[in-house]
Amino acid sequence: MNYTLHQLEIFLKIAELQSVTKASEALYLTQPAVSIQLKKFQDQFKIPLFEVVGRRIYITEFGEEIAQAAEKIMEEVRAIDYKALSFQGELAGKLKIAIVSTAKYVMPYFLSDFINKNRGVDLIMDVTNKASVIRALENNEVDFAMVSTIPKKLKINRIELMRNELYMVGGRDYKLKGKHLSKAEFQKLPLIYREQGSATRLAMEKFIDSKKISTYKKMELTSNEALKQAVISGLGFSIMPLIGIKTALKLGDLQIIPVKGLPIVTNWNLIWLSSKNMSTIAKAHIEHIEENKEAITKKHFHWLDNY
């Protein structure tokens, strides 16, 4: 057999995504190029690695075994690359971060310069809800987490990055009666919530409970983007982080509805376990954040001062 690392990488990505098209996009290759390499790889085995049913590709049991072996081989290749870079005096290895879904509008800006500067650092970033983020941190599955509320049950260190503000928002057609939304009007609005375990959901419920507001109707959506589109469409109203609705506000698709007691103000924090044995990469990233956070915030998030 004479298969190449390139073919192993392509087959592994196809097995992962169950699609030649998606694999080609992920690997920044043309679909014909991926198909050719897949055929050459298959030709070296007498047993089928995959089968095509309709327009879908299915990995066979034998193919799954090969994919698992390929994953181990590629891990070893990456380890060799890391070692080579380390001996050259460069940072090399993985940086693992878990962030709450709204933080996807923030965290990339605190990562981009660091990752671009250190070509040997591979970023693995999981975007999920607060409960899953804290669980990943607690289980020592990640180096860092980014949250807007600090978990009380864990001993952590943190860097405060920037403020996080949550406002009441509605679609473009809503007409406010008066200077602020009254309690009576608030109670008539159909409200849309994030899912259980979301920090945004928790903040919204806490505010509504503190004002003793009886909600008219509840809907629940599992992502900030889905919630935003639902509000834009006129399906309901919600309390949302300002950071995620910049474009919709600028276009007039969303409007901030003035409510006494809002915005809710918290802070975005980069946190890690106090007991964690930090890698050289993690320590370097902490140093990068501490040195550059003010400049990053000023450059990319100055528009927040307009609200």
C-alpha atoms as a PDB file:
ATOM      1  CA  MET A   1       0.000   0.000   0.000  1.00  0.00           C
ATOM      2  CA  ASN A   2       1.160   3.480  -0.827  1.00  0.00           C
ATOM      3  CA  TYR A   3      -1.387   5.924   0.569  1.00  0.00           C
ATOM      4  CA  THR A   4      -0.304   9.404   1.621  1.00  0.00           C
ATOM      5  CA  LEU A   5      -0.870  11.541   4.705  1.00  0.00           C
ATOM      6  CA  HIS A   6      -2.893  13.855   2.489  1.00  0.00           C
ATOM      7  CA  GLN A   7      -5.243  10.997   1.584  1.00  0.00           C
ATOM      8  CA  LEU A   8      -5.574  10.006   5.235  1.00  0.00           C
ATOM      9  CA  GLU A   9      -6.457  13.579   6.131  1.00  0.00           C
ATOM     10  CA  ILE A  10      -9.074  13.782   3.377  1.00  0.00           C
ATOM     11  CA  PHE A  11     -10.695  10.464   4.268  1.00  0.00           C
ATOM     12  CA  LEU A  12     -10.745  11.379   7.958  1.00  0.00           C
ATOM     13  CA  LYS A  13     -12.524  14.642   7.196  1.00  0.00           C
ATOM     14  CA  ILE A  14     -15.052  12.883   4.926  1.00  0.00           C
ATOM     15  CA  ALA A  15     -15.752  10.329   7.651  1.00  0.00           C
ATOM     16  CA  GLU A  16     -16.221  13.121  10.161  1.00  0.00           C
ATOM     17  CA  LEU A  17     -18.557  15.244   8.022  1.00  0.00           C
ATOM     18  CA  GLN A  18     -20.243  12.440   6.030  1.00  0.00           C
ATOM     19  CA  SER A  19     -19.923  14.558   2.911  1.00  0.00           C
ATOM     20  CA  VAL A  20     -17.366  15.061   0.141  1.00  0.00           C
ATOM     21  CA  THR A  21     -18.659  18.596  -0.452  1.00  0.00           C
ATOM     22  CA  LYS A  22     -18.381  19.629   3.202  1.00  0.00           C
ATOM     23  CA  ALA A  23     -14.956  17.989   3.483  1.00  0.00           C
ATOM     24  CA  SER A  24     -13.690  19.922   0.449  1.00  0.00           C
ATOM     25  CA  GLU A  25     -14.937  23.179   1.978  1.00  0.00           C
ATOM     26  CA  ALA A  26     -13.355  22.397   5.360  1.00  0.00           C
ATOM     27  CA  LEU A  27     -10.015  21.537   3.735  1.00  0.00           C
ATOM     28  CA  TYR A  28     -10.144  24.450   1.259  1.00  0.00           C
ATOM     29  CA  LEU A  29      -9.907  22.069  -1.697  1.00  0.00           C
ATOM     30  CA  THR A  30     -12.053  21.659  -4.787  1.00  0.00           C
ATOM     31  CA  GLN A  31     -14.631  18.872  -4.740  1.00  0.00           C
ATOM     32  CA  PRO A  32     -13.069  17.091  -7.767  1.00  0.00           C
ATOM     33  CA  ALA A  33      -9.659  17.110  -6.047  1.00  0.00           C
ATOM     34  CA  VAL A  34     -11.147  15.528  -2.914  1.00  0.00           C
ATOM     35  CA  SER A  35     -13.059  12.938  -4.971  1.00  0.00           C
ATOM     36  CA  ILE A  36      -9.898  11.959  -6.869  1.00  0.00           C
ATOM     37  CA  GLN A  37      -7.890  11.471  -3.679  1.00  0.00           C
ATOM     38  CA  LEU A  38     -10.748   9.512  -2.098  1.00  0.00           C
ATOM     39  CA  LYS A  39     -10.841   7.155  -5.110  1.00  0.00           C
ATOM     40  CA  LYS A  40      -7.057   6.667  -5.005  1.00  0.00           C
ATOM     41  CA  PHE A  41      -7.277   5.881  -1.294  1.00  0.00           C
ATOM     42  CA  GLN A  42     -10.147   3.411  -1.794  1.00  0.00           C
ATOM     43  CA  ASP A  43      -8.291   1.676  -4.645  1.00  0.00           C
ATOM     44  CA  GLN A  44      -5.680   0.479  -2.160  1.00  0.00           C
ATOM     45  CA  PHE A  45      -8.226  -1.599  -0.235  1.00  0.00           C
ATOM     46  CA  LYS A  46     -10.226  -4.594  -1.416  1.00  0.00           C
ATOM     47  CA  ILE A  47     -12.969  -3.865   1.125  1.00  0.00           C
ATOM     48  CA  PRO A  48     -15.244  -0.809   0.617  1.00  0.00           C
ATOM     49  CA  LEU A  49     -14.510   2.152   2.892  1.00  0.00           C
ATOM     50  CA  PHE A  50     -17.809   3.825   2.042  1.00  0.00           C
ATOM     51  CA  GLU A  51     -20.982   3.453   0.039  1.00  0.00           C
ATOM     52  CA  VAL A  52     -23.117   6.035  -1.711  1.00  0.00           C
ATOM     53  CA  VAL A  53     -26.893   5.862  -1.318  1.00  0.00           C
ATOM     54  CA  GLY A  54     -28.732   8.508  -3.295  1.00  0.00           C
ATOM     55  CA  ARG A  55     -26.626  11.612  -2.809  1.00  0.00           C
ATOM     56  CA  ARG A  56     -25.332  10.668   0.620  1.00  0.00           C
ATOM     57  CA  ILE A  57     -22.089   8.963   1.505  1.00  0.00           C
ATOM     58  CA  TYR A  58     -22.023   6.375   4.294  1.00  0.00           C
ATOM     59  CA  ILE A  59     -18.829   5.100   5.917  1.00  0.00           C
ATOM     60  CA  THR A  60     -18.741   1.302   6.256  1.00  0.00           C
ATOM     61  CA  GLU A  61     -17.715  -0.528   9.412  1.00  0.00           C
ATOM     62  CA  PHE A  62     -14.308  -1.149   7.862  1.00  0.00           C
ATOM     63  CA  GLY A  63     -14.129   2.519   6.890  1.00  0.00           C
ATOM     64  CA  GLU A  64     -14.814   3.536  10.495  1.00  0.00           C
ATOM     65  CA  GLU A  65     -11.901   1.376  11.646  1.00  0.00           C
ATOM     66  CA  ILE A  66      -9.624   3.009   9.063  1.00  0.00           C
ATOM     67  CA  ALA A  67     -10.835   6.467  10.097  1.00  0.00           C
ATOM     68  CA  GLN A  68      -9.968   5.748  13.741  1.00  0.00           C
ATOM     69  CA  ALA A  69      -6.494   4.583  12.723  1.00  0.00           C
ATOM     70  CA  ALA A  70      -6.104   7.658  10.496  1.00  0.00           C
ATOM     71  CA  GLU A  71      -7.003   9.925  13.395  1.00  0.00           C
ATOM     72  CA  LYS A  72      -4.270   8.386  15.559  1.00  0.00           C
ATOM     73  CA  ILE A  73      -1.729   8.754  12.734  1.00  0.00           C
ATOM     74  CA  MET A  74      -2.624  12.414  12.165  1.00  0.00           C
ATOM     75  CA  GLU A  75      -2.323  13.081  15.905  1.00  0.00           C
ATOM     76  CA  GLU A  76       1.202  11.669  15.817  1.00  0.00           C
ATOM     77  CA  VAL A  77       2.021  13.818  12.780  1.00  0.00           C
ATOM     78  CA  ARG A  78       0.793  16.927  14.598  1.00  0.00           C
ATOM     79  CA  ALA A  79       2.889  15.926  17.625  1.00  0.00           C
ATOM     80  CA  ILE A  80       5.970  15.779  15.395  1.00  0.00           C
ATOM     81  CA  ASP A  81       5.147  19.240  14.032  1.00  0.00           C
ATOM     82  CA  TYR A  82       4.721  20.591  17.573  1.00  0.00           C
ATOM     83  CA  LYS A  83       8.073  19.147  18.655  1.00  0.00           C
ATOM     84  CA  ALA A  84       9.856  20.585  15.630  1.00  0.00           C
ATOM     85  CA  LEU A  85       8.456  24.054  16.318  1.00  0.00           C
ATOM     86  CA  SER A  86       9.264  23.776  20.027  1.00  0.00           C
ATOM     87  CA  PHE A  87      12.901  22.994  19.231  1.00  0.00           C
ATOM     88  CA  GLN A  88      12.909  26.107  17.061  1.00  0.00           C
ATOM     89  CA  GLY A  89      11.834  28.149  20.082  1.00  0.00           C
ATOM     90  CA  GLU A  90       8.230  28.659  18.941  1.00  0.00           C
ATOM     91  CA  LEU A  91       5.001  27.996  20.834  1.00  0.00           C
ATOM     92  CA  ALA A  92       3.429  24.770  19.621  1.00  0.00           C
ATOM     93  CA  GLY A  93       0.443  22.720  20.751  1.00  0.00           C
ATOM     94  CA  LYS A  94      -3.276  23.113  21.401  1.00  0.00           C
ATOM     95  CA  LEU A  95      -5.210  25.895  23.069  1.00  0.00           C
ATOM     96  CA  LYS A  96      -8.638  24.693  24.210  1.00  0.00           C
ATOM     97  CA  ILE A  97     -11.384  27.150  25.077  1.00  0.00           C
ATOM     98  CA  ALA A  98     -15.089  26.753  25.869  1.00  0.00           C
ATOM     99  CA  ILE A  99     -17.300  29.813  25.483  1.00  0.00           C
ATOM    100  CA  VAL A 100     -20.967  30.632  25.934  1.00  0.00           C
ATOM    101  CA  SER A 101     -22.744  31.192  22.628  1.00  0.00           C
ATOM    102  CA  THR A 102     -22.963  34.986  22.826  1.00  0.00           C
ATOM    103  CA  ALA A 103     -19.217  35.159  23.486  1.00  0.00           C
ATOM    104  CA  LYS A 104     -18.600  34.143  19.866  1.00  0.00           C
ATOM    105  CA  TYR A 105     -19.043  37.845  19.066  1.00  0.00           C
ATOM    106  CA  VAL A 106     -16.199  38.709  21.482  1.00  0.00           C
ATOM    107  CA  MET A 107     -13.647  35.949  22.005  1.00  0.00           C
ATOM    108  CA  PRO A 108     -12.287  35.714  18.425  1.00  0.00           C
ATOM    109  CA  TYR A 109     -10.992  39.297  18.697  1.00  0.00           C
ATOM    110  CA  PHE A 110      -9.005  38.370  21.819  1.00  0.00           C
ATOM    111  CA  LEU A 111      -7.546  35.361  20.000  1.00  0.00           C
ATOM    112  CA  SER A 112      -6.794  36.411  16.425  1.00  0.00           C
ATOM    113  CA  ASP A 113      -3.489  38.258  16.908  1.00  0.00           C
ATOM    114  CA  PHE A 114      -2.180  35.573  19.271  1.00  0.00           C
ATOM    115  CA  ILE A 115      -3.070  32.691  16.929  1.00  0.00           C
ATOM    116  CA  ASN A 116      -1.765  34.487  13.836  1.00  0.00           C
ATOM    117  CA  LYS A 117       1.504  35.286  15.591  1.00  0.00           C
ATOM    118  CA  ASN A 118       2.046  31.717  16.805  1.00  0.00           C
ATOM    119  CA  ARG A 119       1.606  29.442  13.791  1.00  0.00           C
ATOM    120  CA  GLY A 120       2.286  26.312  15.851  1.00  0.00           C
ATOM    121  CA  VAL A 121      -0.742  26.858  18.101  1.00  0.00           C
ATOM    122  CA  ASP A 122      -3.925  24.996  17.132  1.00  0.00           C
ATOM    123  CA  LEU A 123      -7.133  26.489  18.499  1.00  0.00           C
ATOM    124  CA  ILE A 124     -10.014  24.286  19.627  1.00  0.00           C
ATOM    125  CA  MET A 125     -13.006  26.395  20.649  1.00  0.00           C
ATOM    126  CA  ASP A 126     -16.330  24.913  21.752  1.00  0.00           C
ATOM    127  CA  VAL A 127     -19.331  27.268  21.569  1.00  0.00           C
ATOM    128  CA  THR A 128     -22.185  26.116  23.794  1.00  0.00           C
ATOM    129  CA  ASN A 129     -24.383  27.199  26.727  1.00  0.00           C
ATOM    130  CA  LYS A 130     -23.154  28.228  30.168  1.00  0.00           C
ATOM    131  CA  ALA A 131     -23.907  24.898  31.863  1.00  0.00           C
ATOM    132  CA  SER A 132     -21.820  22.970  29.321  1.00  0.00           C
ATOM    133  CA  VAL A 133     -19.003  25.531  29.464  1.00  0.00           C
ATOM    134  CA  ILE A 134     -18.723  25.242  33.243  1.00  0.00           C
ATOM    135  CA  ARG A 135     -18.864  21.450  33.041  1.00  0.00           C
ATOM    136  CA  ALA A 136     -15.985  21.415  30.541  1.00  0.00           C
ATOM    137  CA  LEU A 137     -13.949  23.690  32.803  1.00  0.00           C
ATOM    138  CA  GLU A 138     -14.745  21.651  35.918  1.00  0.00           C
ATOM    139  CA  ASN A 139     -13.749  18.408  34.161  1.00  0.00           C
ATOM    140  CA  ASN A 140     -10.443  19.968  33.075  1.00  0.00           C
ATOM    141  CA  GLU A 141     -11.328  19.484  29.394  1.00  0.00           C
ATOM    142  CA  VAL A 142     -10.306  23.042  28.444  1.00  0.00           C
ATOM    143  CA  ASP A 143      -7.639  25.584  29.322  1.00  0.00           C
ATOM    144  CA  PHE A 144     -10.017  28.536  29.530  1.00  0.00           C
ATOM    145  CA  ALA A 145     -13.686  29.440  29.534  1.00  0.00           C
ATOM    146  CA  MET A 146     -15.364  32.708  28.641  1.00  0.00           C
ATOM    147  CA  VAL A 147     -18.467  33.617  30.618  1.00  0.00           C
ATOM    148  CA  SER A 148     -20.392  36.694  31.746  1.00  0.00           C
ATOM    149  CA  THR A 149     -21.242  35.322  35.198  1.00  0.00           C
ATOM    150  CA  ILE A 150     -18.655  33.747  37.473  1.00  0.00           C
ATOM    151  CA  PRO A 151     -19.408  30.186  38.698  1.00  0.00           C
ATOM    152  CA  LYS A 152     -19.624  30.219  42.487  1.00  0.00           C
ATOM    153  CA  LYS A 153     -18.760  26.577  43.153  1.00  0.00           C
ATOM    154  CA  LEU A 154     -15.362  26.613  41.423  1.00  0.00           C
ATOM    155  CA  LYS A 155     -12.109  28.190  42.530  1.00  0.00           C
ATOM    156  CA  ILE A 156     -11.025  30.142  39.487  1.00  0.00           C
ATOM    157  CA  ASN A 157      -8.695  32.858  38.315  1.00  0.00           C
ATOM    158  CA  ARG A 158     -10.000  35.413  35.853  1.00  0.00           C
ATOM    159  CA  ILE A 159      -9.272  38.348  33.604  1.00  0.00           C
ATOM    160  CA  GLU A 160     -12.104  40.832  33.193  1.00  0.00           C
ATOM    161  CA  LEU A 161     -12.256  41.658  29.490  1.00  0.00           C
ATOM    162  CA  MET A 162     -15.098  44.093  28.820  1.00  0.00           C
ATOM    163  CA  ARG A 163     -18.654  44.931  29.819  1.00  0.00           C
ATOM    164  CA  ASN A 164     -21.717  43.011  28.643  1.00  0.00           C
ATOM    165  CA  GLU A 165     -25.057  44.825  28.427  1.00  0.00           C
ATOM    166  CA  LEU A 166     -28.487  43.273  27.869  1.00  0.00           C
ATOM    167  CA  TYR A 167     -31.424  45.289  26.525  1.00  0.00           C
ATOM    168  CA  MET A 168     -35.072  44.688  25.759  1.00  0.00           C
ATOM    169  CA  VAL A 169     -35.451  44.423  21.984  1.00  0.00           C
ATOM    170  CA  GLY A 170     -38.288  44.154  19.493  1.00  0.00           C
ATOM    171  CA  GLY A 171     -38.841  44.195  15.741  1.00  0.00           C
ATOM    172  CA  ARG A 172     -38.933  47.317  13.577  1.00  0.00           C
ATOM    173  CA  ASP A 173     -42.748  47.579  13.590  1.00  0.00           C
ATOM    174  CA  TYR A 174     -43.245  47.882  17.359  1.00  0.00           C
ATOM    175  CA  LYS A 175     -44.584  51.283  18.475  1.00  0.00           C
ATOM    176  CA  LEU A 176     -43.741  52.299  22.043  1.00  0.00           C
ATOM    177  CA  LYS A 177     -46.468  54.055  24.029  1.00  0.00           C
ATOM    178  CA  GLY A 178     -44.660  56.549  26.234  1.00  0.00           C
ATOM    179  CA  LYS A 179     -41.027  57.122  27.173  1.00  0.00           C
ATOM    180  CA  HIS A 180     -40.510  53.713  28.790  1.00  0.00           C
ATOM    181  CA  LEU A 181     -42.252  50.383  28.482  1.00  0.00           C
ATOM    182  CA  SER A 182     -44.805  50.197  31.282  1.00  0.00           C
ATOM    183  CA  LYS A 183     -45.291  47.126  33.436  1.00  0.00           C
ATOM    184  CA  ALA A 184     -48.798  46.683  32.003  1.00  0.00           C
ATOM    185  CA  GLU A 185     -47.489  46.782  28.426  1.00  0.00           C
ATOM    186  CA  PHE A 186     -44.543  44.518  29.312  1.00  0.00           C
ATOM    187  CA  GLN A 187     -46.958  41.851  30.531  1.00  0.00           C
ATOM    188  CA  LYS A 188     -48.779  41.876  27.179  1.00  0.00           C
ATOM    189  CA  LEU A 189     -45.650  41.134  25.128  1.00  0.00           C
ATOM    190  CA  PRO A 190     -44.956  37.583  23.902  1.00  0.00           C
ATOM    191  CA  LEU A 191     -41.499  36.820  25.260  1.00  0.00           C
ATOM    192  CA  ILE A 192     -38.826  34.620  23.712  1.00  0.00           C
ATOM    193  CA  TYR A 193     -36.241  32.993  25.976  1.00  0.00           C
ATOM    194  CA  ARG A 194     -32.976  31.178  25.446  1.00  0.00           C
ATOM    195  CA  GLU A 195     -32.817  27.543  26.566  1.00  0.00           C
ATOM    196  CA  GLN A 196     -32.339  26.381  30.173  1.00  0.00           C
ATOM    197  CA  GLY A 197     -28.659  26.591  31.144  1.00  0.00           C
ATOM    198  CA  SER A 198     -28.098  29.817  29.197  1.00  0.00           C
ATOM    199  CA  ALA A 199     -26.665  32.804  31.088  1.00  0.00           C
ATOM    200  CA  THR A 200     -28.863  35.123  28.997  1.00  0.00           C
ATOM    201  CA  ARG A 201     -31.936  33.114  30.038  1.00  0.00           C
ATOM    202  CA  LEU A 202     -30.913  33.343  33.703  1.00  0.00           C
ATOM    203  CA  ALA A 203     -30.365  37.115  33.529  1.00  0.00           C
ATOM    204  CA  MET A 204     -33.706  37.658  31.778  1.00  0.00           C
ATOM    205  CA  GLU A 205     -35.642  35.543  34.287  1.00  0.00           C
ATOM    206  CA  LYS A 206     -33.931  37.237  37.224  1.00  0.00           C
ATOM    207  CA  PHE A 207     -34.873  40.688  35.932  1.00  0.00           C
ATOM    208  CA  ILE A 208     -38.506  39.748  35.239  1.00  0.00           C
ATOM    209  CA  ASP A 209     -38.863  38.124  38.672  1.00  0.00           C
ATOM    210  CA  SER A 210     -37.369  41.193  40.381  1.00  0.00           C
ATOM    211  CA  LYS A 211     -40.010  43.397  38.722  1.00  0.00           C
ATOM    212  CA  LYS A 212     -42.791  40.915  39.584  1.00  0.00           C
ATOM    213  CA  ILE A 213     -43.897  40.795  35.956  1.00  0.00           C
ATOM    214  CA  SER A 214     -46.332  38.096  34.881  1.00  0.00           C
ATOM    215  CA  THR A 215     -45.227  37.012  31.419  1.00  0.00           C
ATOM    216  CA  TYR A 216     -47.863  36.762  28.722  1.00  0.00           C
ATOM    217  CA  LYS A 217     -46.392  34.014  26.578  1.00  0.00           C
ATOM    218  CA  LYS A 218     -43.153  32.047  26.588  1.00  0.00           C
ATOM    219  CA  MET A 219     -41.182  30.686  23.663  1.00  0.00           C
ATOM    220  CA  GLU A 220     -37.773  29.032  23.890  1.00  0.00           C
ATOM    221  CA  LEU A 221     -34.972  28.922  21.308  1.00  0.00           C
ATOM    222  CA  THR A 222     -31.592  27.278  21.599  1.00  0.00           C
ATOM    223  CA  SER A 223     -29.300  29.843  19.978  1.00  0.00           C
ATOM    224  CA  ASN A 224     -28.799  33.586  20.055  1.00  0.00           C
ATOM    225  CA  GLU A 225     -29.020  33.786  16.254  1.00  0.00           C
ATOM    226  CA  ALA A 226     -32.316  31.910  16.155  1.00  0.00           C
ATOM    227  CA  LEU A 227     -33.693  34.155  18.899  1.00  0.00           C
ATOM    228  CA  LYS A 228     -32.576  37.282  17.028  1.00  0.00           C
ATOM    229  CA  GLN A 229     -34.258  36.158  13.806  1.00  0.00           C
ATOM    230  CA  ALA A 230     -37.453  35.334  15.710  1.00  0.00           C
ATOM    231  CA  VAL A 231     -37.572  38.851  17.186  1.00  0.00           C
ATOM    232  CA  ILE A 232     -36.822  40.424  13.795  1.00  0.00           C
ATOM    233  CA  SER A 233     -39.707  38.482  12.257  1.00  0.00           C
ATOM    234  CA  GLY A 234     -42.130  39.852  14.842  1.00  0.00           C
ATOM    235  CA  LEU A 235     -42.616  36.553  16.641  1.00  0.00           C
ATOM    236  CA  GLY A 236     -41.917  38.098  20.027  1.00  0.00           C
ATOM    237  CA  PHE A 237     -39.627  40.189  22.230  1.00  0.00           C
ATOM    238  CA  SER A 238     -36.581  39.365  24.299  1.00  0.00           C
ATOM    239  CA  ILE A 239     -33.811  40.684  26.519  1.00  0.00           C
ATOM    240  CA  MET A 240     -30.614  40.207  24.532  1.00  0.00           C
ATOM    241  CA  PRO A 241     -26.904  41.043  24.773  1.00  0.00           C
ATOM    242  CA  LEU A 242     -26.097  44.181  22.796  1.00  0.00           C
ATOM    243  CA  ILE A 243     -22.899  42.586  21.484  1.00  0.00           C
ATOM    244  CA  GLY A 244     -24.826  40.163  19.252  1.00  0.00           C
ATOM    245  CA  ILE A 245     -27.255  42.557  17.574  1.00  0.00           C
ATOM    246  CA  LYS A 246     -25.028  45.330  16.193  1.00  0.00           C
ATOM    247  CA  THR A 247     -25.898  44.806  12.513  1.00  0.00           C
ATOM    248  CA  ALA A 248     -29.626  44.296  13.135  1.00  0.00           C
ATOM    249  CA  LEU A 249     -29.780  47.557  15.083  1.00  0.00           C
ATOM    250  CA  LYS A 250     -27.828  49.420  12.409  1.00  0.00           C
ATOM    251  CA  LEU A 251     -30.169  48.153   9.674  1.00  0.00           C
ATOM    252  CA  GLY A 252     -33.253  48.957  11.743  1.00  0.00           C
ATOM    253  CA  ASP A 253     -34.402  45.333  11.846  1.00  0.00           C
ATOM    254  CA  LEU A 254     -34.309  45.487  15.651  1.00  0.00           C
ATOM    255  CA  GLN A 255     -34.955  48.328  18.063  1.00  0.00           C
ATOM    256  CA  ILE A 256     -34.057  48.773  21.710  1.00  0.00           C
ATOM    257  CA  ILE A 257     -37.165  49.271  23.825  1.00  0.00           C
ATOM    258  CA  PRO A 258     -36.483  51.474  26.878  1.00  0.00           C
ATOM    259  CA  VAL A 259     -37.335  49.691  30.135  1.00  0.00           C
ATOM    260  CA  LYS A 260     -36.639  51.009  33.630  1.00  0.00           C
ATOM    261  CA  GLY A 261     -33.945  48.865  35.221  1.00  0.00           C
ATOM    262  CA  LEU A 262     -32.311  47.961  31.898  1.00  0.00           C
ATOM    263  CA  PRO A 263     -29.730  47.411  30.604  1.00  0.00           C
ATOM    264  CA  ILE A 264     -28.534  44.526  32.741  1.00  0.00           C
ATOM    265  CA  VAL A 265     -24.779  45.066  33.020  1.00  0.00           C
ATOM    266  CA  THR A 266     -22.306  42.238  33.567  1.00  0.00           C
ATOM    267  CA  ASN A 267     -18.743  41.644  32.384  1.00  0.00           C
ATOM    268  CA  TRP A 268     -17.123  39.201  30.000  1.00  0.00           C
ATOM    269  CA  ASN A 269     -14.475  37.187  31.817  1.00  0.00           C
ATOM    270  CA  LEU A 270     -11.768  34.794  30.714  1.00  0.00           C
ATOM    271  CA  ILE A 271     -11.562  32.222  33.508  1.00  0.00           C
ATOM    272  CA  TRP A 272      -9.514  29.148  34.371  1.00  0.00           C
ATOM    273  CA  LEU A 273      -9.228  26.750  37.300  1.00  0.00           C
ATOM    274  CA  SER A 274      -6.939  28.015  40.074  1.00  0.00           C
ATOM    275  CA  SER A 275      -5.567  24.495  40.465  1.00  0.00           C
ATOM    276  CA  LYS A 276      -4.822  23.988  36.756  1.00  0.00           C
ATOM    277  CA  ASN A 277      -1.255  23.301  35.694  1.00  0.00           C
ATOM    278  CA  MET A 278      -1.138  25.832  32.867  1.00  0.00           C
ATOM    279  CA  SER A 279       0.712  24.979  29.669  1.00  0.00           C
ATOM    280  CA  THR A 280       3.305  27.315  28.172  1.00  0.00           C
ATOM    281  CA  ILE A 281       0.742  28.243  25.500  1.00  0.00           C
ATOM    282  CA  ALA A 282      -1.945  29.038  28.074  1.00  0.00           C
ATOM    283  CA  LYS A 283       0.470  31.209  30.072  1.00  0.00           C
ATOM    284  CA  ALA A 284       1.490  33.039  26.894  1.00  0.00           C
ATOM    285  CA  HIS A 285      -2.147  33.685  26.041  1.00  0.00           C
ATOM    286  CA  ILE A 286      -2.830  35.113  29.504  1.00  0.00           C
ATOM    287  CA  GLU A 287       0.125  37.458  29.036  1.00  0.00           C
ATOM    288  CA  HIS A 288      -1.168  38.459  25.586  1.00  0.00           C
ATOM    289  CA  ILE A 289      -4.646  39.237  26.953  1.00  0.00           C
ATOM    290  CA  GLU A 290      -3.343  41.266  29.901  1.00  0.00           C
ATOM    291  CA  GLU A 291      -1.098  43.339  27.647  1.00  0.00           C
ATOM    292  CA  ASN A 292      -3.603  43.938  24.831  1.00  0.00           C
ATOM    293  CA  LYS A 293      -7.166  43.765  26.186  1.00  0.00           C
ATOM    294  CA  GLU A 294      -7.650  47.533  26.388  1.00  0.00           C
ATOM    295  CA  ALA A 295      -6.380  48.090  22.851  1.00  0.00           C
ATOM    296  CA  ILE A 296      -8.532  45.223  21.507  1.00  0.00           C
ATOM    297  CA  THR A 297     -11.636  46.563  23.243  1.00  0.00           C
ATOM    298  CA  LYS A 298     -11.035  50.099  21.997  1.00  0.00           C
ATOM    299  CA  LYS A 299     -10.409  48.952  18.417  1.00  0.00           C
ATOM    300  CA  HIS A 300     -13.270  46.495  17.974  1.00  0.00           C
ATOM    301  CA  PHE A 301     -15.940  47.446  20.530  1.00  0.00           C
ATOM    302  CA  HIS A 302     -15.926  51.238  20.730  1.00  0.00           C
ATOM    303  CA  TRP A 303     -19.385  51.227  19.115  1.00  0.00           C
ATOM    304  CA  LEU A 304     -20.878  49.958  22.393  1.00  0.00           C
ATOM    305  CA  ASP A 305     -20.433  53.468  23.812  1.00  0.00           C
ATOM    306  CA  ASN A 306     -23.196  54.698  21.487  1.00  0.00           C
ATOM    307  CA  TYR A 307     -25.913  52.891  23.493  1.00  0.00           C
END
